[in-house]
Amino acid sequence: MAASPSFERAQHLPGNFAWIAAAVEAALFVVSMAVQLLPSSPHSEQMRGVYAQAGVWVPLLSRVVTVWLLAATLAWCHARKALDERGAARIAQLRGPAGRFGAVFLAAMVVNILALTPLFYQAQVLFMPGGPLHERVDMYGLRSTMATSVLVQSVIQMLVLVASVWLAARFALRERSTALADASPGAADEGAGAATPRRAVALVAAATFVSLQMWIGNVASGWVGTSRDSEVVPLLLGWFAVPLLVCALAFWGGWLGAAPGPAQTRPFRAVAAAVSTFVLLQVVCAGLAIGGLLWIASFSGSSGGSRLVALAVAMAAIYLVLLVVAMRTITRRFYRRYL
């Protein structure tokens, strides 16, 4: 018997949520850039010159993609969790969940822009020439303080994004008790969703991990700084090719860890596995890097540069290997009772 249109829409709701979240973020980004770059905008010519530099637009594009990916992943997870717990029959009875999700998420992001952007701008003014901190702190201290401020702002923005997706999903997936009289609560549908649970677990884990990796990379760039005159190809390799490699390895680790496949996706367990793997890798690799630097410092001579290069190559290889191993182990631990 063919499924009803409402039933099929319910099955595709996770993907719809993901696309809506990404589309809202993309639309707001386009509007923001248009406000800055249109000829009628103040300083538009200067801003166009700044954004034309590869050292500016490539990292900016990386930050934008990070936000899109994280928002889409979390939106997908909320809808998938609802399908797993309630079944497509109950989700099909909701009235316009995709539209409600998009409206609430858009409103939350607009409030975020109107409320937080002025506060962040005021924080940046502190470090500008003539600002209160510019004359009181030396250049090294000023840069460290500004980088710390950027870190705090990034954390706040991420928390606001997570909360906005949660709020929009909660409103969109809210049920009315009168509408569920004929629905069997908790009914599961094996056919709900295009991806198998094992593949979905690996995708969510990989997307979450690479979002955190790109986010920490953008935050770290505030500490080390990037040259605006850098070539496009090295920047694209560093900001996009490396994250793609990390995403592929994280997917592989998640795929191995979810074998032979859970009965249900339980997406937030995959998110928790990715976050745990990310934190563990940062701690372990930071410890190894500090140990390596201390070991190099114990040598005297002019070969310190080559040892630093060797340490960097070794740390990159160790990181990639540990990524697969840790993702597999931690994913299996989170899904052990469901395999």
C-alpha atoms as a PDB file:
ATOM      1  CA  MET A   1       0.000   0.000   0.000  1.00  0.00           C
ATOM      2  CA  ALA A   2       1.430   3.377  -0.999  1.00  0.00           C
ATOM      3  CA  ALA A   3       2.299   5.779   1.787  1.00  0.00           C
ATOM      4  CA  SER A   4       0.264   8.984   2.084  1.00  0.00           C
ATOM      5  CA  PRO A   5       1.870  12.301   1.088  1.00  0.00           C
ATOM      6  CA  SER A   6       1.860  13.480   4.726  1.00  0.00           C
ATOM      7  CA  PHE A   7       3.628  10.281   5.769  1.00  0.00           C
ATOM      8  CA  GLU A   8       6.310  10.781   3.120  1.00  0.00           C
ATOM      9  CA  ARG A   9       6.764  14.410   4.175  1.00  0.00           C
ATOM     10  CA  ALA A  10       7.281  13.246   7.736  1.00  0.00           C
ATOM     11  CA  GLN A  11       9.972  10.839   6.588  1.00  0.00           C
ATOM     12  CA  HIS A  12      11.824  13.664   4.841  1.00  0.00           C
ATOM     13  CA  LEU A  13      11.460  16.112   7.732  1.00  0.00           C
ATOM     14  CA  PRO A  14      15.073  15.768   9.014  1.00  0.00           C
ATOM     15  CA  GLY A  15      16.457  16.687   5.615  1.00  0.00           C
ATOM     16  CA  ASN A  16      13.993  19.567   5.299  1.00  0.00           C
ATOM     17  CA  PHE A  17      15.019  20.931   8.691  1.00  0.00           C
ATOM     18  CA  ALA A  18      18.682  20.743   7.707  1.00  0.00           C
ATOM     19  CA  TRP A  19      18.169  22.567   4.415  1.00  0.00           C
ATOM     20  CA  ILE A  20      16.004  25.238   6.065  1.00  0.00           C
ATOM     21  CA  ALA A  21      18.611  25.920   8.753  1.00  0.00           C
ATOM     22  CA  ALA A  22      21.369  26.223   6.156  1.00  0.00           C
ATOM     23  CA  ALA A  23      19.185  28.397   3.903  1.00  0.00           C
ATOM     24  CA  VAL A  24      18.333  30.798   6.743  1.00  0.00           C
ATOM     25  CA  GLU A  25      22.003  31.184   7.652  1.00  0.00           C
ATOM     26  CA  ALA A  26      22.933  31.669   3.985  1.00  0.00           C
ATOM     27  CA  ALA A  27      20.228  34.295   3.466  1.00  0.00           C
ATOM     28  CA  LEU A  28      21.321  36.259   6.525  1.00  0.00           C
ATOM     29  CA  PHE A  29      24.934  36.091   5.362  1.00  0.00           C
ATOM     30  CA  VAL A  30      24.001  37.411   1.909  1.00  0.00           C
ATOM     31  CA  VAL A  31      21.990  40.260   3.438  1.00  0.00           C
ATOM     32  CA  SER A  32      24.854  41.130   5.794  1.00  0.00           C
ATOM     33  CA  MET A  33      27.390  41.194   2.973  1.00  0.00           C
ATOM     34  CA  ALA A  34      25.058  43.228   0.758  1.00  0.00           C
ATOM     35  CA  VAL A  35      24.650  45.847   3.486  1.00  0.00           C
ATOM     36  CA  GLN A  36      28.424  46.199   3.689  1.00  0.00           C
ATOM     37  CA  LEU A  37      29.284  46.039  -0.022  1.00  0.00           C
ATOM     38  CA  LEU A  38      26.500  47.849  -1.851  1.00  0.00           C
ATOM     39  CA  PRO A  39      27.632  51.184  -3.357  1.00  0.00           C
ATOM     40  CA  SER A  40      25.102  53.044  -1.200  1.00  0.00           C
ATOM     41  CA  SER A  41      26.667  51.679   2.003  1.00  0.00           C
ATOM     42  CA  PRO A  42      29.252  53.740   3.936  1.00  0.00           C
ATOM     43  CA  HIS A  43      32.849  52.658   3.295  1.00  0.00           C
ATOM     44  CA  SER A  44      31.604  50.126   0.716  1.00  0.00           C
ATOM     45  CA  GLU A  45      34.572  50.676  -1.591  1.00  0.00           C
ATOM     46  CA  GLN A  46      37.023  50.082   1.226  1.00  0.00           C
ATOM     47  CA  MET A  47      35.158  46.961   2.356  1.00  0.00           C
ATOM     48  CA  ARG A  48      35.141  45.561  -1.181  1.00  0.00           C
ATOM     49  CA  GLY A  49      38.897  46.016  -1.307  1.00  0.00           C
ATOM     50  CA  VAL A  50      39.313  44.189   1.994  1.00  0.00           C
ATOM     51  CA  TYR A  51      37.068  41.250   1.047  1.00  0.00           C
ATOM     52  CA  ALA A  52      38.794  40.908  -2.324  1.00  0.00           C
ATOM     53  CA  GLN A  53      41.925  39.679  -0.533  1.00  0.00           C
ATOM     54  CA  ALA A  54      42.254  35.899  -0.306  1.00  0.00           C
ATOM     55  CA  GLY A  55      43.527  36.152   3.257  1.00  0.00           C
ATOM     56  CA  VAL A  56      40.165  37.662   4.211  1.00  0.00           C
ATOM     57  CA  TRP A  57      37.499  35.937   2.135  1.00  0.00           C
ATOM     58  CA  VAL A  58      38.821  32.372   2.448  1.00  0.00           C
ATOM     59  CA  PRO A  59      38.797  32.315   6.293  1.00  0.00           C
ATOM     60  CA  LEU A  60      35.467  34.172   6.204  1.00  0.00           C
ATOM     61  CA  LEU A  61      33.980  31.534   3.923  1.00  0.00           C
ATOM     62  CA  SER A  62      35.318  28.837   6.250  1.00  0.00           C
ATOM     63  CA  ARG A  63      33.559  30.434   9.233  1.00  0.00           C
ATOM     64  CA  VAL A  64      30.324  30.706   7.272  1.00  0.00           C
ATOM     65  CA  VAL A  65      30.458  27.058   6.163  1.00  0.00           C
ATOM     66  CA  THR A  66      31.122  26.023   9.768  1.00  0.00           C
ATOM     67  CA  VAL A  67      27.971  27.765  10.947  1.00  0.00           C
ATOM     68  CA  TRP A  68      25.882  26.329   8.101  1.00  0.00           C
ATOM     69  CA  LEU A  69      27.135  22.804   8.719  1.00  0.00           C
ATOM     70  CA  LEU A  70      26.605  22.901  12.466  1.00  0.00           C
ATOM     71  CA  ALA A  71      23.133  24.428  12.186  1.00  0.00           C
ATOM     72  CA  ALA A  72      22.060  21.894   9.543  1.00  0.00           C
ATOM     73  CA  THR A  73      23.448  18.964  11.538  1.00  0.00           C
ATOM     74  CA  LEU A  74      21.696  19.952  14.758  1.00  0.00           C
ATOM     75  CA  ALA A  75      18.425  20.638  12.934  1.00  0.00           C
ATOM     76  CA  TRP A  76      18.605  17.208  11.288  1.00  0.00           C
ATOM     77  CA  CYS A  77      19.284  15.595  14.659  1.00  0.00           C
ATOM     78  CA  HIS A  78      16.243  17.149  16.338  1.00  0.00           C
ATOM     79  CA  ALA A  79      13.884  15.996  13.587  1.00  0.00           C
ATOM     80  CA  ARG A  80      15.468  12.537  13.393  1.00  0.00           C
ATOM     81  CA  LYS A  81      15.176  12.130  17.163  1.00  0.00           C
ATOM     82  CA  ALA A  82      11.487  12.996  16.981  1.00  0.00           C
ATOM     83  CA  LEU A  83      10.966  10.425  14.222  1.00  0.00           C
ATOM     84  CA  ASP A  84      12.805   7.760  16.207  1.00  0.00           C
ATOM     85  CA  GLU A  85      10.802   8.401  19.362  1.00  0.00           C
ATOM     86  CA  ARG A  86       7.330   9.089  17.953  1.00  0.00           C
ATOM     87  CA  GLY A  87       7.270   7.444  14.555  1.00  0.00           C
ATOM     88  CA  ALA A  88       6.346   8.949  11.202  1.00  0.00           C
ATOM     89  CA  ALA A  89       2.617   8.421  11.814  1.00  0.00           C
ATOM     90  CA  ARG A  90       2.589  10.911  14.671  1.00  0.00           C
ATOM     91  CA  ILE A  91       4.981  13.353  13.014  1.00  0.00           C
ATOM     92  CA  ALA A  92       2.742  13.343   9.924  1.00  0.00           C
ATOM     93  CA  GLN A  93      -0.083  14.819  12.017  1.00  0.00           C
ATOM     94  CA  LEU A  94       1.904  17.940  12.874  1.00  0.00           C
ATOM     95  CA  ARG A  95       0.787  21.063  11.056  1.00  0.00           C
ATOM     96  CA  GLY A  96       3.510  22.658   8.968  1.00  0.00           C
ATOM     97  CA  PRO A  97       6.504  21.717  11.131  1.00  0.00           C
ATOM     98  CA  ALA A  98       9.049  22.781   8.498  1.00  0.00           C
ATOM     99  CA  GLY A  99       7.511  26.219   8.074  1.00  0.00           C
ATOM    100  CA  ARG A 100       7.271  26.752  11.829  1.00  0.00           C
ATOM    101  CA  PHE A 101      10.872  25.670  12.271  1.00  0.00           C
ATOM    102  CA  GLY A 102      12.068  28.097   9.602  1.00  0.00           C
ATOM    103  CA  ALA A 103      10.056  31.012  11.021  1.00  0.00           C
ATOM    104  CA  VAL A 104      11.250  30.557  14.598  1.00  0.00           C
ATOM    105  CA  PHE A 105      14.857  29.915  13.583  1.00  0.00           C
ATOM    106  CA  LEU A 106      14.883  33.012  11.367  1.00  0.00           C
ATOM    107  CA  ALA A 107      13.404  35.136  14.153  1.00  0.00           C
ATOM    108  CA  ALA A 108      15.966  33.811  16.650  1.00  0.00           C
ATOM    109  CA  MET A 109      18.867  34.554  14.299  1.00  0.00           C
ATOM    110  CA  VAL A 110      17.596  38.063  13.553  1.00  0.00           C
ATOM    111  CA  VAL A 111      17.302  38.776  17.284  1.00  0.00           C
ATOM    112  CA  ASN A 112      20.803  37.383  17.687  1.00  0.00           C
ATOM    113  CA  ILE A 113      22.151  39.755  15.040  1.00  0.00           C
ATOM    114  CA  LEU A 114      20.322  42.790  16.424  1.00  0.00           C
ATOM    115  CA  ALA A 115      21.223  42.078  20.056  1.00  0.00           C
ATOM    116  CA  LEU A 116      24.737  40.596  19.977  1.00  0.00           C
ATOM    117  CA  THR A 117      26.317  42.331  16.984  1.00  0.00           C
ATOM    118  CA  PRO A 118      26.325  45.808  18.620  1.00  0.00           C
ATOM    119  CA  LEU A 119      27.806  44.305  21.813  1.00  0.00           C
ATOM    120  CA  PHE A 120      30.557  42.527  19.875  1.00  0.00           C
ATOM    121  CA  TYR A 121      31.299  45.727  17.959  1.00  0.00           C
ATOM    122  CA  GLN A 122      31.686  47.625  21.211  1.00  0.00           C
ATOM    123  CA  ALA A 123      34.112  44.943  22.407  1.00  0.00           C
ATOM    124  CA  GLN A 124      36.166  45.345  19.225  1.00  0.00           C
ATOM    125  CA  VAL A 125      36.275  49.131  19.655  1.00  0.00           C
ATOM    126  CA  LEU A 126      38.207  48.589  22.889  1.00  0.00           C
ATOM    127  CA  PHE A 127      41.173  47.296  20.872  1.00  0.00           C
ATOM    128  CA  MET A 128      41.100  49.835  18.055  1.00  0.00           C
ATOM    129  CA  PRO A 129      43.472  52.833  17.918  1.00  0.00           C
ATOM    130  CA  GLY A 130      42.177  55.341  20.435  1.00  0.00           C
ATOM    131  CA  GLY A 131      40.234  52.684  22.331  1.00  0.00           C
ATOM    132  CA  PRO A 132      40.564  52.290  26.110  1.00  0.00           C
ATOM    133  CA  LEU A 133      42.786  49.191  25.861  1.00  0.00           C
ATOM    134  CA  HIS A 134      44.910  50.295  22.930  1.00  0.00           C
ATOM    135  CA  GLU A 135      47.006  52.756  24.942  1.00  0.00           C
ATOM    136  CA  ARG A 136      47.103  50.881  28.253  1.00  0.00           C
ATOM    137  CA  VAL A 137      48.324  47.480  27.039  1.00  0.00           C
ATOM    138  CA  ASP A 138      51.477  46.688  25.068  1.00  0.00           C
ATOM    139  CA  MET A 139      51.214  45.099  21.625  1.00  0.00           C
ATOM    140  CA  TYR A 140      51.700  41.515  22.869  1.00  0.00           C
ATOM    141  CA  GLY A 141      49.192  41.926  25.671  1.00  0.00           C
ATOM    142  CA  LEU A 142      46.761  43.688  23.352  1.00  0.00           C
ATOM    143  CA  ARG A 143      46.870  40.856  20.842  1.00  0.00           C
ATOM    144  CA  SER A 144      46.396  38.198  23.528  1.00  0.00           C
ATOM    145  CA  THR A 145      43.498  40.095  25.091  1.00  0.00           C
ATOM    146  CA  MET A 146      41.849  40.618  21.709  1.00  0.00           C
ATOM    147  CA  ALA A 147      42.256  36.934  20.821  1.00  0.00           C
ATOM    148  CA  THR A 148      40.678  35.975  24.155  1.00  0.00           C
ATOM    149  CA  SER A 149      37.798  38.319  23.407  1.00  0.00           C
ATOM    150  CA  VAL A 150      37.332  36.671  20.004  1.00  0.00           C
ATOM    151  CA  LEU A 151      37.305  33.249  21.702  1.00  0.00           C
ATOM    152  CA  VAL A 152      34.617  34.362  24.157  1.00  0.00           C
ATOM    153  CA  GLN A 153      32.549  35.843  21.334  1.00  0.00           C
ATOM    154  CA  SER A 154      32.846  32.631  19.309  1.00  0.00           C
ATOM    155  CA  VAL A 155      31.719  30.527  22.264  1.00  0.00           C
ATOM    156  CA  ILE A 156      28.725  32.803  22.854  1.00  0.00           C
ATOM    157  CA  GLN A 157      27.778  32.691  19.175  1.00  0.00           C
ATOM    158  CA  MET A 158      27.984  28.893  19.123  1.00  0.00           C
ATOM    159  CA  LEU A 159      25.834  28.594  22.248  1.00  0.00           C
ATOM    160  CA  VAL A 160      23.285  30.992  20.757  1.00  0.00           C
ATOM    161  CA  LEU A 161      23.200  28.948  17.534  1.00  0.00           C
ATOM    162  CA  VAL A 162      22.677  25.683  19.426  1.00  0.00           C
ATOM    163  CA  ALA A 163      19.943  27.245  21.560  1.00  0.00           C
ATOM    164  CA  SER A 164      18.221  28.773  18.513  1.00  0.00           C
ATOM    165  CA  VAL A 165      18.079  25.451  16.680  1.00  0.00           C
ATOM    166  CA  TRP A 166      16.747  23.760  19.816  1.00  0.00           C
ATOM    167  CA  LEU A 167      14.075  26.422  20.315  1.00  0.00           C
ATOM    168  CA  ALA A 168      12.946  26.293  16.683  1.00  0.00           C
ATOM    169  CA  ALA A 169      12.811  22.495  16.664  1.00  0.00           C
ATOM    170  CA  ARG A 170      10.939  22.361  19.962  1.00  0.00           C
ATOM    171  CA  PHE A 171       8.306  24.777  18.664  1.00  0.00           C
ATOM    172  CA  ALA A 172       8.005  23.049  15.276  1.00  0.00           C
ATOM    173  CA  LEU A 173       7.710  19.536  16.729  1.00  0.00           C
ATOM    174  CA  ARG A 174       5.312  20.431  19.529  1.00  0.00           C
ATOM    175  CA  GLU A 175       2.300  18.144  19.529  1.00  0.00           C
ATOM    176  CA  ARG A 176      -1.316  18.865  20.296  1.00  0.00           C
ATOM    177  CA  SER A 177      -2.882  16.168  22.419  1.00  0.00           C
ATOM    178  CA  THR A 178      -6.186  16.367  20.545  1.00  0.00           C
ATOM    179  CA  ALA A 179      -4.431  15.652  17.251  1.00  0.00           C
ATOM    180  CA  LEU A 180      -2.961  12.392  18.431  1.00  0.00           C
ATOM    181  CA  ALA A 181      -6.062  10.498  19.395  1.00  0.00           C
ATOM    182  CA  ASP A 182      -5.649   7.928  16.617  1.00  0.00           C
ATOM    183  CA  ALA A 183      -1.848   7.752  16.673  1.00  0.00           C
ATOM    184  CA  SER A 184       0.075   5.001  18.389  1.00  0.00           C
ATOM    185  CA  PRO A 185       2.634   6.739  20.621  1.00  0.00           C
ATOM    186  CA  GLY A 186       6.253   5.773  20.131  1.00  0.00           C
ATOM    187  CA  ALA A 187       5.638   3.837  16.947  1.00  0.00           C
ATOM    188  CA  ALA A 188       8.856   3.398  15.005  1.00  0.00           C
ATOM    189  CA  ASP A 189       9.149   3.320  11.247  1.00  0.00           C
ATOM    190  CA  GLU A 190      12.087   1.499   9.769  1.00  0.00           C
ATOM    191  CA  GLY A 191      11.599   3.208   6.447  1.00  0.00           C
ATOM    192  CA  ALA A 192      11.725   6.710   7.866  1.00  0.00           C
ATOM    193  CA  GLY A 193      14.613   8.652   6.375  1.00  0.00           C
ATOM    194  CA  ALA A 194      16.787   7.914   3.398  1.00  0.00           C
ATOM    195  CA  ALA A 195      19.996   7.050   5.256  1.00  0.00           C
ATOM    196  CA  THR A 196      20.450   3.788   7.133  1.00  0.00           C
ATOM    197  CA  PRO A 197      20.998   4.250  10.882  1.00  0.00           C
ATOM    198  CA  ARG A 198      24.662   3.241  10.622  1.00  0.00           C
ATOM    199  CA  ARG A 199      25.356   5.699   7.817  1.00  0.00           C
ATOM    200  CA  ALA A 200      23.393   8.431   9.601  1.00  0.00           C
ATOM    201  CA  VAL A 201      25.417   7.911  12.788  1.00  0.00           C
ATOM    202  CA  ALA A 202      28.678   8.207  10.860  1.00  0.00           C
ATOM    203  CA  LEU A 203      27.495  11.319   8.994  1.00  0.00           C
ATOM    204  CA  VAL A 204      26.314  13.107  12.142  1.00  0.00           C
ATOM    205  CA  ALA A 205      29.515  12.243  13.994  1.00  0.00           C
ATOM    206  CA  ALA A 206      31.685  13.402  11.090  1.00  0.00           C
ATOM    207  CA  ALA A 207      29.729  16.637  10.534  1.00  0.00           C
ATOM    208  CA  THR A 208      29.815  17.503  14.237  1.00  0.00           C
ATOM    209  CA  PHE A 209      33.518  16.753  14.553  1.00  0.00           C
ATOM    210  CA  VAL A 210      34.577  18.725  11.479  1.00  0.00           C
ATOM    211  CA  SER A 211      32.365  21.659  12.572  1.00  0.00           C
ATOM    212  CA  LEU A 212      34.223  21.783  15.888  1.00  0.00           C
ATOM    213  CA  GLN A 213      37.546  21.378  14.088  1.00  0.00           C
ATOM    214  CA  MET A 214      36.838  24.275  11.729  1.00  0.00           C
ATOM    215  CA  TRP A 215      35.509  26.363  14.603  1.00  0.00           C
ATOM    216  CA  ILE A 216      38.646  25.887  16.687  1.00  0.00           C
ATOM    217  CA  GLY A 217      40.733  26.636  13.593  1.00  0.00           C
ATOM    218  CA  ASN A 218      38.955  29.946  13.096  1.00  0.00           C
ATOM    219  CA  VAL A 219      39.411  30.821  16.757  1.00  0.00           C
ATOM    220  CA  ALA A 220      43.104  29.873  16.628  1.00  0.00           C
ATOM    221  CA  SER A 221      43.612  32.126  13.601  1.00  0.00           C
ATOM    222  CA  GLY A 222      42.877  35.053  15.909  1.00  0.00           C
ATOM    223  CA  TRP A 223      45.902  34.105  17.976  1.00  0.00           C
ATOM    224  CA  VAL A 224      48.434  33.323  15.256  1.00  0.00           C
ATOM    225  CA  GLY A 225      47.134  35.733  12.612  1.00  0.00           C
ATOM    226  CA  THR A 226      47.003  35.176   8.842  1.00  0.00           C
ATOM    227  CA  SER A 227      48.515  37.300   6.096  1.00  0.00           C
ATOM    228  CA  ARG A 228      46.033  38.971   3.772  1.00  0.00           C
ATOM    229  CA  ASP A 229      48.536  38.630   0.937  1.00  0.00           C
ATOM    230  CA  SER A 230      48.634  34.831   1.105  1.00  0.00           C
ATOM    231  CA  GLU A 231      48.095  32.820  -2.065  1.00  0.00           C
ATOM    232  CA  VAL A 232      44.644  31.402  -2.716  1.00  0.00           C
ATOM    233  CA  VAL A 233      45.657  27.762  -3.244  1.00  0.00           C
ATOM    234  CA  PRO A 234      47.475  27.263   0.099  1.00  0.00           C
ATOM    235  CA  LEU A 235      44.602  28.964   1.899  1.00  0.00           C
ATOM    236  CA  LEU A 236      42.000  26.755   0.224  1.00  0.00           C
ATOM    237  CA  LEU A 237      44.042  23.665   1.039  1.00  0.00           C
ATOM    238  CA  GLY A 238      44.375  24.666   4.674  1.00  0.00           C
ATOM    239  CA  TRP A 239      40.842  25.902   5.258  1.00  0.00           C
ATOM    240  CA  PHE A 240      38.892  23.377   3.145  1.00  0.00           C
ATOM    241  CA  ALA A 241      40.962  20.420   1.880  1.00  0.00           C
ATOM    242  CA  VAL A 242      42.235  19.521   5.348  1.00  0.00           C
ATOM    243  CA  PRO A 243      38.734  19.675   6.919  1.00  0.00           C
ATOM    244  CA  LEU A 244      37.445  17.442   4.114  1.00  0.00           C
ATOM    245  CA  LEU A 245      40.141  14.891   4.952  1.00  0.00           C
ATOM    246  CA  VAL A 246      39.277  15.148   8.648  1.00  0.00           C
ATOM    247  CA  CYS A 247      35.571  14.716   7.832  1.00  0.00           C
ATOM    248  CA  ALA A 248      36.280  11.592   5.768  1.00  0.00           C
ATOM    249  CA  LEU A 249      38.359  10.037   8.548  1.00  0.00           C
ATOM    250  CA  ALA A 250      35.769  10.929  11.180  1.00  0.00           C
ATOM    251  CA  PHE A 251      33.084   9.331   9.022  1.00  0.00           C
ATOM    252  CA  TRP A 252      35.205   6.197   8.719  1.00  0.00           C
ATOM    253  CA  GLY A 253      35.709   6.032  12.471  1.00  0.00           C
ATOM    254  CA  GLY A 254      32.002   6.541  13.109  1.00  0.00           C
ATOM    255  CA  TRP A 255      31.111   3.932  10.494  1.00  0.00           C
ATOM    256  CA  LEU A 256      33.384   1.368  12.136  1.00  0.00           C
ATOM    257  CA  GLY A 257      32.125   2.237  15.603  1.00  0.00           C
ATOM    258  CA  ALA A 258      28.452   1.861  14.641  1.00  0.00           C
ATOM    259  CA  ALA A 259      28.897  -1.594  13.062  1.00  0.00           C
ATOM    260  CA  PRO A 260      26.829  -3.663  12.430  1.00  0.00           C
ATOM    261  CA  GLY A 261      24.325  -0.831  12.787  1.00  0.00           C
ATOM    262  CA  PRO A 262      21.862   0.304  15.476  1.00  0.00           C
ATOM    263  CA  ALA A 263      18.141  -0.224  15.048  1.00  0.00           C
ATOM    264  CA  GLN A 264      17.606   3.528  15.405  1.00  0.00           C
ATOM    265  CA  THR A 265      19.898   6.460  14.700  1.00  0.00           C
ATOM    266  CA  ARG A 266      19.728   8.149  18.132  1.00  0.00           C
ATOM    267  CA  PRO A 267      21.531  11.133  16.594  1.00  0.00           C
ATOM    268  CA  PHE A 268      22.490  12.971  19.756  1.00  0.00           C
ATOM    269  CA  ARG A 269      24.540   9.991  20.854  1.00  0.00           C
ATOM    270  CA  ALA A 270      26.544  10.491  17.669  1.00  0.00           C
ATOM    271  CA  VAL A 271      26.879  14.189  18.536  1.00  0.00           C
ATOM    272  CA  ALA A 272      28.078  13.277  22.033  1.00  0.00           C
ATOM    273  CA  ALA A 273      30.548  10.777  20.596  1.00  0.00           C
ATOM    274  CA  ALA A 274      31.961  13.399  18.215  1.00  0.00           C
ATOM    275  CA  VAL A 275      32.275  16.043  20.949  1.00  0.00           C
ATOM    276  CA  SER A 276      33.955  13.555  23.296  1.00  0.00           C
ATOM    277  CA  THR A 277      36.366  12.478  20.566  1.00  0.00           C
ATOM    278  CA  PHE A 278      37.198  16.082  19.747  1.00  0.00           C
ATOM    279  CA  VAL A 279      37.912  17.048  23.362  1.00  0.00           C
ATOM    280  CA  LEU A 280      39.980  13.908  23.944  1.00  0.00           C
ATOM    281  CA  LEU A 281      42.073  14.493  20.821  1.00  0.00           C
ATOM    282  CA  GLN A 282      42.790  18.125  21.719  1.00  0.00           C
ATOM    283  CA  VAL A 283      43.946  17.164  25.211  1.00  0.00           C
ATOM    284  CA  VAL A 284      46.068  14.203  24.095  1.00  0.00           C
ATOM    285  CA  CYS A 285      47.676  15.984  21.146  1.00  0.00           C
ATOM    286  CA  ALA A 286      48.336  19.135  23.185  1.00  0.00           C
ATOM    287  CA  GLY A 287      50.142  17.007  25.741  1.00  0.00           C
ATOM    288  CA  LEU A 288      52.160  15.249  23.041  1.00  0.00           C
ATOM    289  CA  ALA A 289      53.046  18.545  21.367  1.00  0.00           C
ATOM    290  CA  ILE A 290      54.234  20.089  24.631  1.00  0.00           C
ATOM    291  CA  GLY A 291      56.301  16.994  25.340  1.00  0.00           C
ATOM    292  CA  GLY A 292      57.794  17.156  21.842  1.00  0.00           C
ATOM    293  CA  LEU A 293      58.694  20.825  22.219  1.00  0.00           C
ATOM    294  CA  LEU A 294      60.376  20.166  25.557  1.00  0.00           C
ATOM    295  CA  TRP A 295      62.315  17.315  23.959  1.00  0.00           C
ATOM    296  CA  ILE A 296      63.462  19.587  21.113  1.00  0.00           C
ATOM    297  CA  ALA A 297      64.453  22.294  23.593  1.00  0.00           C
ATOM    298  CA  SER A 298      66.746  19.836  25.348  1.00  0.00           C
ATOM    299  CA  PHE A 299      68.983  19.732  22.259  1.00  0.00           C
ATOM    300  CA  SER A 300      71.504  22.396  21.393  1.00  0.00           C
ATOM    301  CA  GLY A 301      72.573  23.261  17.886  1.00  0.00           C
ATOM    302  CA  SER A 302      71.252  24.703  14.657  1.00  0.00           C
ATOM    303  CA  SER A 303      68.943  21.805  13.712  1.00  0.00           C
ATOM    304  CA  GLY A 304      66.032  23.014  15.816  1.00  0.00           C
ATOM    305  CA  GLY A 305      64.075  24.116  12.738  1.00  0.00           C
ATOM    306  CA  SER A 306      64.203  20.689  11.116  1.00  0.00           C
ATOM    307  CA  ARG A 307      63.155  19.059  14.383  1.00  0.00           C
ATOM    308  CA  LEU A 308      60.176  21.408  14.595  1.00  0.00           C
ATOM    309  CA  VAL A 309      59.131  20.477  11.067  1.00  0.00           C
ATOM    310  CA  ALA A 310      59.501  16.780  11.893  1.00  0.00           C
ATOM    311  CA  LEU A 311      57.435  17.272  15.058  1.00  0.00           C
ATOM    312  CA  ALA A 312      54.689  19.056  13.106  1.00  0.00           C
ATOM    313  CA  VAL A 313      54.523  16.271  10.508  1.00  0.00           C
ATOM    314  CA  ALA A 314      54.516  13.601  13.212  1.00  0.00           C
ATOM    315  CA  MET A 315      51.754  15.372  15.161  1.00  0.00           C
ATOM    316  CA  ALA A 316      49.587  15.674  12.034  1.00  0.00           C
ATOM    317  CA  ALA A 317      49.966  11.941  11.327  1.00  0.00           C
ATOM    318  CA  ILE A 318      49.301  11.018  14.959  1.00  0.00           C
ATOM    319  CA  TYR A 319      46.222  13.247  15.030  1.00  0.00           C
ATOM    320  CA  LEU A 320      44.699  11.625  11.946  1.00  0.00           C
ATOM    321  CA  VAL A 321      45.349   8.107  13.194  1.00  0.00           C
ATOM    322  CA  LEU A 322      44.015   8.855  16.670  1.00  0.00           C
ATOM    323  CA  LEU A 323      40.956  10.458  15.086  1.00  0.00           C
ATOM    324  CA  VAL A 324      39.863   7.219  13.467  1.00  0.00           C
ATOM    325  CA  VAL A 325      40.724   5.071  16.481  1.00  0.00           C
ATOM    326  CA  ALA A 326      39.105   7.387  19.033  1.00  0.00           C
ATOM    327  CA  MET A 327      35.980   7.966  16.936  1.00  0.00           C
ATOM    328  CA  ARG A 328      35.505   4.236  16.455  1.00  0.00           C
ATOM    329  CA  THR A 329      36.040   3.435  20.142  1.00  0.00           C
ATOM    330  CA  ILE A 330      33.915   6.233  21.571  1.00  0.00           C
ATOM    331  CA  THR A 331      31.083   5.770  19.051  1.00  0.00           C
ATOM    332  CA  ARG A 332      30.923   2.069  19.894  1.00  0.00           C
ATOM    333  CA  ARG A 333      30.859   2.927  23.583  1.00  0.00           C
ATOM    334  CA  PHE A 334      27.910   5.291  23.129  1.00  0.00           C
ATOM    335  CA  TYR A 335      25.993   2.787  20.948  1.00  0.00           C
ATOM    336  CA  ARG A 336      27.035  -0.470  22.640  1.00  0.00           C
ATOM    337  CA  ARG A 337      23.614  -1.162  24.155  1.00  0.00           C
ATOM    338  CA  TYR A 338      21.862  -0.509  20.813  1.00  0.00           C
ATOM    339  CA  LEU A 339      24.015  -2.664  18.490  1.00  0.00           C
END
